[in-house]
């Protein structure tokens, strides 16, 4: 995408153990750590999409990315963490 805030679809894909390719826009880099939990590519770069898809044909790379994402991302974006951060923001405003 060219604009993305915080992709719930990406979080759901991680939950389904899908390997992630995303663009380096908006909140995507906050969710995905390039080369660790997925692949981040430049926006509007069709060659990068093709190259990333080819890279993900490597089952070892896919497994590495999916395993790490499945471990890190649910913890990073758990309800407790999310609500805790929101509560902290609201309390700072007071």
PDB file of N, CA and C in Angstrom:
ATOM      1  N   UNK A   1       0.831  -1.186   0.000  1.00  0.00           N
ATOM      2  CA  UNK A   1       0.000   0.000   0.000  1.00  0.00           C
ATOM      3  C   UNK A   1       0.873   1.246   0.000  1.00  0.00           C
ATOM      4  N   UNK A   2       0.263   2.350  -0.315  1.00  0.00           N
ATOM      5  CA  UNK A   2       0.969   3.624  -0.267  1.00  0.00           C
ATOM      6  C   UNK A   2       0.768   4.317   1.071  1.00  0.00           C
ATOM      7  N   UNK A   3      -0.310   3.972   1.768  1.00  0.00           N
ATOM      8  CA  UNK A   3      -0.597   4.529   3.090  1.00  0.00           C
ATOM      9  C   UNK A   3      -1.120   3.398   3.970  1.00  0.00           C
ATOM     10  N   UNK A   4      -0.630   3.337   5.161  1.00  0.00           N
ATOM     11  CA  UNK A   4      -1.085   2.308   6.094  1.00  0.00           C
ATOM     12  C   UNK A   4      -0.805   2.797   7.499  1.00  0.00           C
ATOM     13  N   UNK A   5      -1.827   2.774   8.344  1.00  0.00           N
ATOM     14  CA  UNK A   5      -1.614   3.192   9.727  1.00  0.00           C
ATOM     15  C   UNK A   5      -1.110   2.018  10.556  1.00  0.00           C
ATOM     16  N   UNK A   6      -1.995   1.144  10.907  1.00  0.00           N
ATOM     17  CA  UNK A   6      -1.661  -0.028  11.714  1.00  0.00           C
ATOM     18  C   UNK A   6      -2.515  -1.164  11.168  1.00  0.00           C
ATOM     19  N   UNK A   7      -1.922  -2.013  10.376  1.00  0.00           N
ATOM     20  CA  UNK A   7      -2.657  -3.019   9.620  1.00  0.00           C
ATOM     21  C   UNK A   7      -3.118  -4.187  10.488  1.00  0.00           C
ATOM     22  N   UNK A   8      -4.413  -4.213  10.739  1.00  0.00           N
ATOM     23  CA  UNK A   8      -4.979  -5.356  11.459  1.00  0.00           C
ATOM     24  C   UNK A   8      -4.869  -6.611  10.598  1.00  0.00           C
ATOM     25  N   UNK A   9      -5.006  -6.446   9.279  1.00  0.00           N
ATOM     26  CA  UNK A   9      -4.883  -7.593   8.375  1.00  0.00           C
ATOM     27  C   UNK A   9      -3.497  -8.228   8.487  1.00  0.00           C
ATOM     28  N   UNK A  10      -2.473  -7.404   8.654  1.00  0.00           N
ATOM     29  CA  UNK A  10      -1.123  -7.939   8.796  1.00  0.00           C
ATOM     30  C   UNK A  10      -0.994  -8.723  10.099  1.00  0.00           C
ATOM     31  N   UNK A  11      -1.547  -8.203  11.172  1.00  0.00           N
ATOM     32  CA  UNK A  11      -1.518  -8.913  12.447  1.00  0.00           C
ATOM     33  C   UNK A  11      -2.276 -10.238  12.346  1.00  0.00           C
ATOM     34  N   UNK A  12      -3.406 -10.233  11.648  1.00  0.00           N
ATOM     35  CA  UNK A  12      -4.164 -11.462  11.458  1.00  0.00           C
ATOM     36  C   UNK A  12      -3.378 -12.463  10.615  1.00  0.00           C
ATOM     37  N   UNK A  13      -2.666 -11.984   9.598  1.00  0.00           N
ATOM     38  CA  UNK A  13      -1.850 -12.862   8.757  1.00  0.00           C
ATOM     39  C   UNK A  13      -0.744 -13.519   9.588  1.00  0.00           C
ATOM     40  N   UNK A  14      -0.138 -12.753  10.483  1.00  0.00           N
ATOM     41  CA  UNK A  14       0.872 -13.323  11.374  1.00  0.00           C
ATOM     42  C   UNK A  14       0.232 -14.412  12.230  1.00  0.00           C
ATOM     43  N   UNK A  15      -0.967 -14.145  12.729  1.00  0.00           N
ATOM     44  CA  UNK A  15      -1.678 -15.132  13.534  1.00  0.00           C
ATOM     45  C   UNK A  15      -1.992 -16.407  12.773  1.00  0.00           C
ATOM     46  N   UNK A  16      -2.121 -16.302  11.470  1.00  0.00           N
ATOM     47  CA  UNK A  16      -2.377 -17.464  10.618  1.00  0.00           C
ATOM     48  C   UNK A  16      -1.072 -18.080  10.104  1.00  0.00           C
ATOM     49  N   UNK A  17       0.059 -17.579  10.612  1.00  0.00           N
ATOM     50  CA  UNK A  17       1.394 -18.078  10.256  1.00  0.00           C
ATOM     51  C   UNK A  17       1.697 -17.898   8.763  1.00  0.00           C
ATOM     52  N   UNK A  18       1.331 -16.730   8.255  1.00  0.00           N
ATOM     53  CA  UNK A  18       1.674 -16.365   6.876  1.00  0.00           C
ATOM     54  C   UNK A  18       2.934 -15.510   6.892  1.00  0.00           C
ATOM     55  N   UNK A  19       3.803 -15.732   5.923  1.00  0.00           N
ATOM     56  CA  UNK A  19       4.984 -14.885   5.788  1.00  0.00           C
ATOM     57  C   UNK A  19       4.535 -13.520   5.274  1.00  0.00           C
ATOM     58  N   UNK A  20       5.160 -12.473   5.776  1.00  0.00           N
ATOM     59  CA  UNK A  20       4.736 -11.110   5.471  1.00  0.00           C
ATOM     60  C   UNK A  20       5.731 -10.409   4.553  1.00  0.00           C
ATOM     61  N   UNK A  21       5.179  -9.801   3.496  1.00  0.00           N
ATOM     62  CA  UNK A  21       5.880  -8.826   2.674  1.00  0.00           C
ATOM     63  C   UNK A  21       5.048  -7.562   2.784  1.00  0.00           C
ATOM     64  N   UNK A  22       5.658  -6.469   3.185  1.00  0.00           N
ATOM     65  CA  UNK A  22       4.920  -5.211   3.291  1.00  0.00           C
ATOM     66  C   UNK A  22       5.784  -4.068   2.796  1.00  0.00           C
ATOM     67  N   UNK A  23       5.130  -2.963   2.516  1.00  0.00           N
ATOM     68  CA  UNK A  23       5.862  -1.775   2.078  1.00  0.00           C
ATOM     69  C   UNK A  23       6.331  -0.974   3.289  1.00  0.00           C
ATOM     70  N   UNK A  24       7.295  -0.105   3.061  1.00  0.00           N
ATOM     71  CA  UNK A  24       7.897   0.678   4.146  1.00  0.00           C
ATOM     72  C   UNK A  24       7.136   1.983   4.389  1.00  0.00           C
ATOM     73  N   UNK A  25       5.824   1.897   4.434  1.00  0.00           N
ATOM     74  CA  UNK A  25       5.004   3.090   4.652  1.00  0.00           C
ATOM     75  C   UNK A  25       4.237   2.973   5.965  1.00  0.00           C
ATOM     76  N   UNK A  26       3.854   4.123   6.493  1.00  0.00           N
ATOM     77  CA  UNK A  26       2.998   4.183   7.673  1.00  0.00           C
ATOM     78  C   UNK A  26       3.518   3.370   8.837  1.00  0.00           C
ATOM     79  N   UNK A  27       2.624   2.600   9.434  1.00  0.00           N
ATOM     80  CA  UNK A  27       2.962   1.818  10.614  1.00  0.00           C
ATOM     81  C   UNK A  27       3.536   0.442  10.322  1.00  0.00           C
ATOM     82  N   UNK A  28       3.669   0.076   9.052  1.00  0.00           N
ATOM     83  CA  UNK A  28       4.185  -1.254   8.735  1.00  0.00           C
ATOM     84  C   UNK A  28       5.526  -1.555   9.395  1.00  0.00           C
ATOM     85  N   UNK A  29       6.512  -0.636   9.333  1.00  0.00           N
ATOM     86  CA  UNK A  29       7.789  -0.926   9.982  1.00  0.00           C
ATOM     87  C   UNK A  29       7.710  -1.005  11.513  1.00  0.00           C
ATOM     88  N   UNK A  30       6.614  -0.532  12.101  1.00  0.00           N
ATOM     89  CA  UNK A  30       6.421  -0.689  13.541  1.00  0.00           C
ATOM     90  C   UNK A  30       5.987  -2.111  13.876  1.00  0.00           C
ATOM     91  N   UNK A  31       5.373  -2.780  12.912  1.00  0.00           N
ATOM     92  CA  UNK A  31       4.890  -4.144  13.118  1.00  0.00           C
ATOM     93  C   UNK A  31       5.947  -5.158  12.697  1.00  0.00           C
ATOM     94  N   UNK A  32       6.514  -4.970  11.536  1.00  0.00           N
ATOM     95  CA  UNK A  32       7.453  -5.927  10.947  1.00  0.00           C
ATOM     96  C   UNK A  32       8.886  -5.429  11.089  1.00  0.00           C
ATOM     97  N   UNK A  33       9.748  -6.311  11.554  1.00  0.00           N
ATOM     98  CA  UNK A  33      11.185  -6.042  11.599  1.00  0.00           C
ATOM     99  C   UNK A  33      11.778  -6.692  10.348  1.00  0.00           C
ATOM    100  N   UNK A  34      12.314  -5.874   9.455  1.00  0.00           N
ATOM    101  CA  UNK A  34      12.816  -6.370   8.177  1.00  0.00           C
ATOM    102  C   UNK A  34      13.851  -7.476   8.374  1.00  0.00           C
ATOM    103  N   UNK A  35      13.660  -8.551   7.638  1.00  0.00           N
ATOM    104  CA  UNK A  35      14.553  -9.717   7.647  1.00  0.00           C
ATOM    105  C   UNK A  35      14.455 -10.541   8.933  1.00  0.00           C
ATOM    106  N   UNK A  36      13.647 -10.110   9.890  1.00  0.00           N
ATOM    107  CA  UNK A  36      13.478 -10.880  11.125  1.00  0.00           C
ATOM    108  C   UNK A  36      12.075 -11.456  11.241  1.00  0.00           C
ATOM    109  N   UNK A  37      11.064 -10.606  11.048  1.00  0.00           N
ATOM    110  CA  UNK A  37       9.672 -11.069  11.163  1.00  0.00           C
ATOM    111  C   UNK A  37       8.922 -10.949   9.843  1.00  0.00           C
ATOM    112  N   UNK A  38       9.587 -10.485   8.831  1.00  0.00           N
ATOM    113  CA  UNK A  38       8.992 -10.332   7.507  1.00  0.00           C
ATOM    114  C   UNK A  38       9.941  -9.571   6.608  1.00  0.00           C
ATOM    115  N   UNK A  39       9.462  -9.258   5.428  1.00  0.00           N
ATOM    116  CA  UNK A  39      10.263  -8.509   4.470  1.00  0.00           C
ATOM    117  C   UNK A  39       9.599  -7.172   4.206  1.00  0.00           C
ATOM    118  N   UNK A  40      10.358  -6.111   4.318  1.00  0.00           N
ATOM    119  CA  UNK A  40       9.857  -4.768   4.047  1.00  0.00           C
ATOM    120  C   UNK A  40      10.476  -4.308   2.732  1.00  0.00           C
ATOM    121  N   UNK A  41       9.611  -3.837   1.835  1.00  0.00           N
ATOM    122  CA  UNK A  41      10.070  -3.385   0.526  1.00  0.00           C
ATOM    123  C   UNK A  41       9.627  -1.942   0.288  1.00  0.00           C
ATOM    124  N   UNK A  42      10.268  -1.265  -0.652  1.00  0.00           N
ATOM    125  CA  UNK A  42       9.849   0.103  -0.970  1.00  0.00           C
ATOM    126  C   UNK A  42       8.454   0.109  -1.623  1.00  0.00           C
ATOM    127  N   UNK A  43       7.716   1.162  -1.371  1.00  0.00           N
ATOM    128  CA  UNK A  43       6.414   1.329  -2.024  1.00  0.00           C
ATOM    129  C   UNK A  43       6.624   1.540  -3.523  1.00  0.00           C
ATOM    130  N   UNK A  44       5.659   1.128  -4.304  1.00  0.00           N
ATOM    131  CA  UNK A  44       5.647   1.338  -5.767  1.00  0.00           C
ATOM    132  C   UNK A  44       6.834   0.662  -6.467  1.00  0.00           C
ATOM    133  N   UNK A  45       7.280  -0.462  -5.964  1.00  0.00           N
ATOM    134  CA  UNK A  45       8.428  -1.151  -6.545  1.00  0.00           C
ATOM    135  C   UNK A  45       8.030  -2.587  -6.890  1.00  0.00           C
ATOM    136  N   UNK A  46       7.521  -2.784  -8.091  1.00  0.00           N
ATOM    137  CA  UNK A  46       7.051  -4.105  -8.488  1.00  0.00           C
ATOM    138  C   UNK A  46       8.199  -5.113  -8.558  1.00  0.00           C
ATOM    139  N   UNK A  47       9.395  -4.654  -8.900  1.00  0.00           N
ATOM    140  CA  UNK A  47      10.539  -5.559  -8.922  1.00  0.00           C
ATOM    141  C   UNK A  47      10.841  -6.099  -7.522  1.00  0.00           C
ATOM    142  N   UNK A  48      10.678  -5.256  -6.506  1.00  0.00           N
ATOM    143  CA  UNK A  48      10.905  -5.689  -5.125  1.00  0.00           C
ATOM    144  C   UNK A  48       9.860  -6.718  -4.697  1.00  0.00           C
ATOM    145  N   UNK A  49       8.636  -6.567  -5.163  1.00  0.00           N
ATOM    146  CA  UNK A  49       7.590  -7.557  -4.857  1.00  0.00           C
ATOM    147  C   UNK A  49       7.994  -8.906  -5.433  1.00  0.00           C
ATOM    148  N   UNK A  50       8.372  -8.913  -6.704  1.00  0.00           N
ATOM    149  CA  UNK A  50       8.765 -10.156  -7.369  1.00  0.00           C
ATOM    150  C   UNK A  50       9.971 -10.782  -6.667  1.00  0.00           C
ATOM    151  N   UNK A  51      10.972  -9.971  -6.369  1.00  0.00           N
ATOM    152  CA  UNK A  51      12.176 -10.482  -5.705  1.00  0.00           C
ATOM    153  C   UNK A  51      11.837 -11.073  -4.331  1.00  0.00           C
ATOM    154  N   UNK A  52      10.948 -10.410  -3.580  1.00  0.00           N
ATOM    155  CA  UNK A  52      10.565 -10.907  -2.254  1.00  0.00           C
ATOM    156  C   UNK A  52       9.785 -12.207  -2.358  1.00  0.00           C
ATOM    157  N   UNK A  53       8.890 -12.300  -3.332  1.00  0.00           N
ATOM    158  CA  UNK A  53       8.152 -13.548  -3.532  1.00  0.00           C
ATOM    159  C   UNK A  53       9.101 -14.686  -3.884  1.00  0.00           C
ATOM    160  N   UNK A  54      10.080 -14.401  -4.704  1.00  0.00           N
ATOM    161  CA  UNK A  54      11.080 -15.422  -5.046  1.00  0.00           C
ATOM    162  C   UNK A  54      11.856 -15.842  -3.799  1.00  0.00           C
ATOM    163  N   UNK A  55      12.220 -14.875  -2.969  1.00  0.00           N
ATOM    164  CA  UNK A  55      12.948 -15.198  -1.732  1.00  0.00           C
ATOM    165  C   UNK A  55      12.116 -16.091  -0.824  1.00  0.00           C
ATOM    166  N   UNK A  56      10.806 -15.827  -0.781  1.00  0.00           N
ATOM    167  CA  UNK A  56       9.941 -16.617   0.096  1.00  0.00           C
ATOM    168  C   UNK A  56       9.658 -18.011  -0.434  1.00  0.00           C
ATOM    169  N   UNK A  57      10.157 -18.316  -1.643  1.00  0.00           N
ATOM    170  CA  UNK A  57      10.043 -19.698  -2.114  1.00  0.00           C
ATOM    171  C   UNK A  57      11.002 -20.601  -1.334  1.00  0.00           C
ATOM    172  N   UNK A  58      11.937 -20.004  -0.605  1.00  0.00           N
ATOM    173  CA  UNK A  58      12.854 -20.728   0.275  1.00  0.00           C
ATOM    174  C   UNK A  58      12.109 -21.074   1.570  1.00  0.00           C
ATOM    175  N   UNK A  59      11.803 -22.342   1.742  1.00  0.00           N
ATOM    176  CA  UNK A  59      11.005 -22.756   2.902  1.00  0.00           C
ATOM    177  C   UNK A  59      11.725 -22.480   4.227  1.00  0.00           C
ATOM    178  N   UNK A  60      13.052 -22.516   4.238  1.00  0.00           N
ATOM    179  CA  UNK A  60      13.790 -22.211   5.474  1.00  0.00           C
ATOM    180  C   UNK A  60      13.626 -20.747   5.868  1.00  0.00           C
ATOM    181  N   UNK A  61      13.696 -19.853   4.890  1.00  0.00           N
ATOM    182  CA  UNK A  61      13.494 -18.428   5.164  1.00  0.00           C
ATOM    183  C   UNK A  61      12.069 -18.173   5.638  1.00  0.00           C
ATOM    184  N   UNK A  62      11.087 -18.767   4.942  1.00  0.00           N
ATOM    185  CA  UNK A  62       9.688 -18.597   5.360  1.00  0.00           C
ATOM    186  C   UNK A  62       9.496 -19.043   6.797  1.00  0.00           C
ATOM    187  N   UNK A  63      10.020 -20.218   7.127  1.00  0.00           N
ATOM    188  CA  UNK A  63       9.853 -20.748   8.481  1.00  0.00           C
ATOM    189  C   UNK A  63      10.508 -19.829   9.502  1.00  0.00           C
ATOM    190  N   UNK A  64      11.708 -19.346   9.211  1.00  0.00           N
ATOM    191  CA  UNK A  64      12.414 -18.449  10.128  1.00  0.00           C
ATOM    192  C   UNK A  64      11.596 -17.184  10.385  1.00  0.00           C
ATOM    193  N   UNK A  65      11.097 -16.563   9.320  1.00  0.00           N
ATOM    194  CA  UNK A  65      10.320 -15.325   9.462  1.00  0.00           C
ATOM    195  C   UNK A  65       9.014 -15.568  10.205  1.00  0.00           C
ATOM    196  N   UNK A  66       8.309 -16.626   9.819  1.00  0.00           N
ATOM    197  CA  UNK A  66       7.016 -16.930  10.435  1.00  0.00           C
ATOM    198  C   UNK A  66       7.181 -17.286  11.909  1.00  0.00           C
ATOM    199  N   UNK A  67       8.183 -18.107  12.222  1.00  0.00           N
ATOM    200  CA  UNK A  67       8.399 -18.484  13.625  1.00  0.00           C
ATOM    201  C   UNK A  67       8.699 -17.267  14.485  1.00  0.00           C
ATOM    202  N   UNK A  68       9.577 -16.397  14.016  1.00  0.00           N
ATOM    203  CA  UNK A  68       9.941 -15.204  14.791  1.00  0.00           C
ATOM    204  C   UNK A  68       8.748 -14.257  14.920  1.00  0.00           C
ATOM    205  N   UNK A  69       8.026 -14.046  13.817  1.00  0.00           N
ATOM    206  CA  UNK A  69       6.851 -13.164  13.858  1.00  0.00           C
ATOM    207  C   UNK A  69       5.797 -13.710  14.807  1.00  0.00           C
ATOM    208  N   UNK A  70       5.581 -15.024  14.781  1.00  0.00           N
ATOM    209  CA  UNK A  70       4.573 -15.643  15.646  1.00  0.00           C
ATOM    210  C   UNK A  70       4.952 -15.557  17.113  1.00  0.00           C
ATOM    211  N   UNK A  71       6.237 -15.447  17.382  1.00  0.00           N
ATOM    212  CA  UNK A  71       6.719 -15.321  18.756  1.00  0.00           C
ATOM    213  C   UNK A  71       6.646 -13.872  19.244  1.00  0.00           C
ATOM    214  N   UNK A  72       7.115 -12.934  18.430  1.00  0.00           N
ATOM    215  CA  UNK A  72       7.318 -11.546  18.844  1.00  0.00           C
ATOM    216  C   UNK A  72       6.051 -10.696  18.720  1.00  0.00           C
ATOM    217  N   UNK A  73       5.385 -10.779  17.606  1.00  0.00           N
ATOM    218  CA  UNK A  73       4.300  -9.840  17.306  1.00  0.00           C
ATOM    219  C   UNK A  73       3.088 -10.003  18.215  1.00  0.00           C
ATOM    220  N   UNK A  74       2.621 -11.224  18.518  1.00  0.00           N
ATOM    221  CA  UNK A  74       1.476 -11.308  19.439  1.00  0.00           C
ATOM    222  C   UNK A  74       1.773 -10.697  20.802  1.00  0.00           C
ATOM    223  N   UNK A  75       2.999 -10.830  21.268  1.00  0.00           N
ATOM    224  CA  UNK A  75       3.369 -10.221  22.554  1.00  0.00           C
ATOM    225  C   UNK A  75       3.419  -8.701  22.437  1.00  0.00           C
ATOM    226  N   UNK A  76       4.030  -8.224  21.366  1.00  0.00           N
ATOM    227  CA  UNK A  76       4.198  -6.779  21.167  1.00  0.00           C
ATOM    228  C   UNK A  76       2.852  -6.069  21.034  1.00  0.00           C
ATOM    229  N   UNK A  77       1.867  -6.745  20.450  1.00  0.00           N
ATOM    230  CA  UNK A  77       0.570  -6.115  20.201  1.00  0.00           C
ATOM    231  C   UNK A  77      -0.566  -6.820  20.929  1.00  0.00           C
ATOM    232  N   UNK A  78      -0.280  -7.374  22.100  1.00  0.00           N
ATOM    233  CA  UNK A  78      -1.327  -8.023  22.893  1.00  0.00           C
ATOM    234  C   UNK A  78      -2.331  -6.975  23.370  1.00  0.00           C
ATOM    235  N   UNK A  79      -3.506  -7.436  23.765  1.00  0.00           N
ATOM    236  CA  UNK A  79      -4.517  -6.512  24.294  1.00  0.00           C
ATOM    237  C   UNK A  79      -3.992  -5.787  25.519  1.00  0.00           C
ATOM    238  N   UNK A  80      -3.331  -6.514  26.407  1.00  0.00           N
ATOM    239  CA  UNK A  80      -2.818  -5.892  27.628  1.00  0.00           C
ATOM    240  C   UNK A  80      -1.847  -4.762  27.307  1.00  0.00           C
ATOM    241  N   UNK A  81      -0.923  -5.022  26.376  1.00  0.00           N
ATOM    242  CA  UNK A  81       0.051  -3.978  26.020  1.00  0.00           C
ATOM    243  C   UNK A  81      -0.650  -2.799  25.359  1.00  0.00           C
ATOM    244  N   UNK A  82      -1.558  -3.094  24.445  1.00  0.00           N
ATOM    245  CA  UNK A  82      -2.244  -2.026  23.721  1.00  0.00           C
ATOM    246  C   UNK A  82      -3.080  -1.177  24.662  1.00  0.00           C
ATOM    247  N   UNK A  83      -3.875  -1.825  25.510  1.00  0.00           N
ATOM    248  CA  UNK A  83      -4.708  -1.061  26.439  1.00  0.00           C
ATOM    249  C   UNK A  83      -3.859  -0.344  27.477  1.00  0.00           C
ATOM    250  N   UNK A  84      -2.767  -0.969  27.881  1.00  0.00           N
ATOM    251  CA  UNK A  84      -1.860  -0.312  28.826  1.00  0.00           C
ATOM    252  C   UNK A  84      -1.259   0.956  28.243  1.00  0.00           C
ATOM    253  N   UNK A  85      -0.871   0.898  26.966  1.00  0.00           N
ATOM    254  CA  UNK A  85      -0.315   2.089  26.313  1.00  0.00           C
ATOM    255  C   UNK A  85      -1.375   3.177  26.177  1.00  0.00           C
ATOM    256  N   UNK A  86      -2.607   2.775  25.846  1.00  0.00           N
ATOM    257  CA  UNK A  86      -3.689   3.756  25.731  1.00  0.00           C
ATOM    258  C   UNK A  86      -3.974   4.406  27.079  1.00  0.00           C
ATOM    259  N   UNK A  87      -4.009   3.590  28.123  1.00  0.00           N
ATOM    260  CA  UNK A  87      -4.254   4.130  29.458  1.00  0.00           C
ATOM    261  C   UNK A  87      -3.150   5.121  29.847  1.00  0.00           C
ATOM    262  N   UNK A  88      -1.911   4.773  29.537  1.00  0.00           N
ATOM    263  CA  UNK A  88      -0.796   5.664  29.838  1.00  0.00           C
ATOM    264  C   UNK A  88      -0.938   6.989  29.091  1.00  0.00           C
ATOM    265  N   UNK A  89      -1.327   6.923  27.814  1.00  0.00           N
ATOM    266  CA  UNK A  89      -1.525   8.148  27.035  1.00  0.00           C
ATOM    267  C   UNK A  89      -2.627   9.012  27.625  1.00  0.00           C
ATOM    268  N   UNK A  90      -3.737   8.384  28.004  1.00  0.00           N
ATOM    269  CA  UNK A  90      -4.848   9.150  28.587  1.00  0.00           C
ATOM    270  C   UNK A  90      -4.435   9.784  29.906  1.00  0.00           C
ATOM    271  N   UNK A  91      -3.684   9.067  30.707  1.00  0.00           N
ATOM    272  CA  UNK A  91      -3.257   9.594  32.008  1.00  0.00           C
ATOM    273  C   UNK A  91      -2.262  10.739  31.839  1.00  0.00           C
ATOM    274  N   UNK A  92      -1.440  10.687  30.807  1.00  0.00           N
ATOM    275  CA  UNK A  92      -0.489  11.769  30.561  1.00  0.00           C
ATOM    276  C   UNK A  92      -1.206  13.062  30.175  1.00  0.00           C
ATOM    277  N   UNK A  93      -2.335  12.949  29.538  1.00  0.00           N
ATOM    278  CA  UNK A  93      -3.101  14.116  29.091  1.00  0.00           C
ATOM    279  C   UNK A  93      -3.745  14.840  30.250  1.00  0.00           C
ATOM    280  N   UNK A  94      -3.981  14.129  31.348  1.00  0.00           N
ATOM    281  CA  UNK A  94      -4.690  14.741  32.476  1.00  0.00           C
ATOM    282  C   UNK A  94      -3.834  15.656  33.247  1.00  0.00           C
TER     283      UNK A  94
END
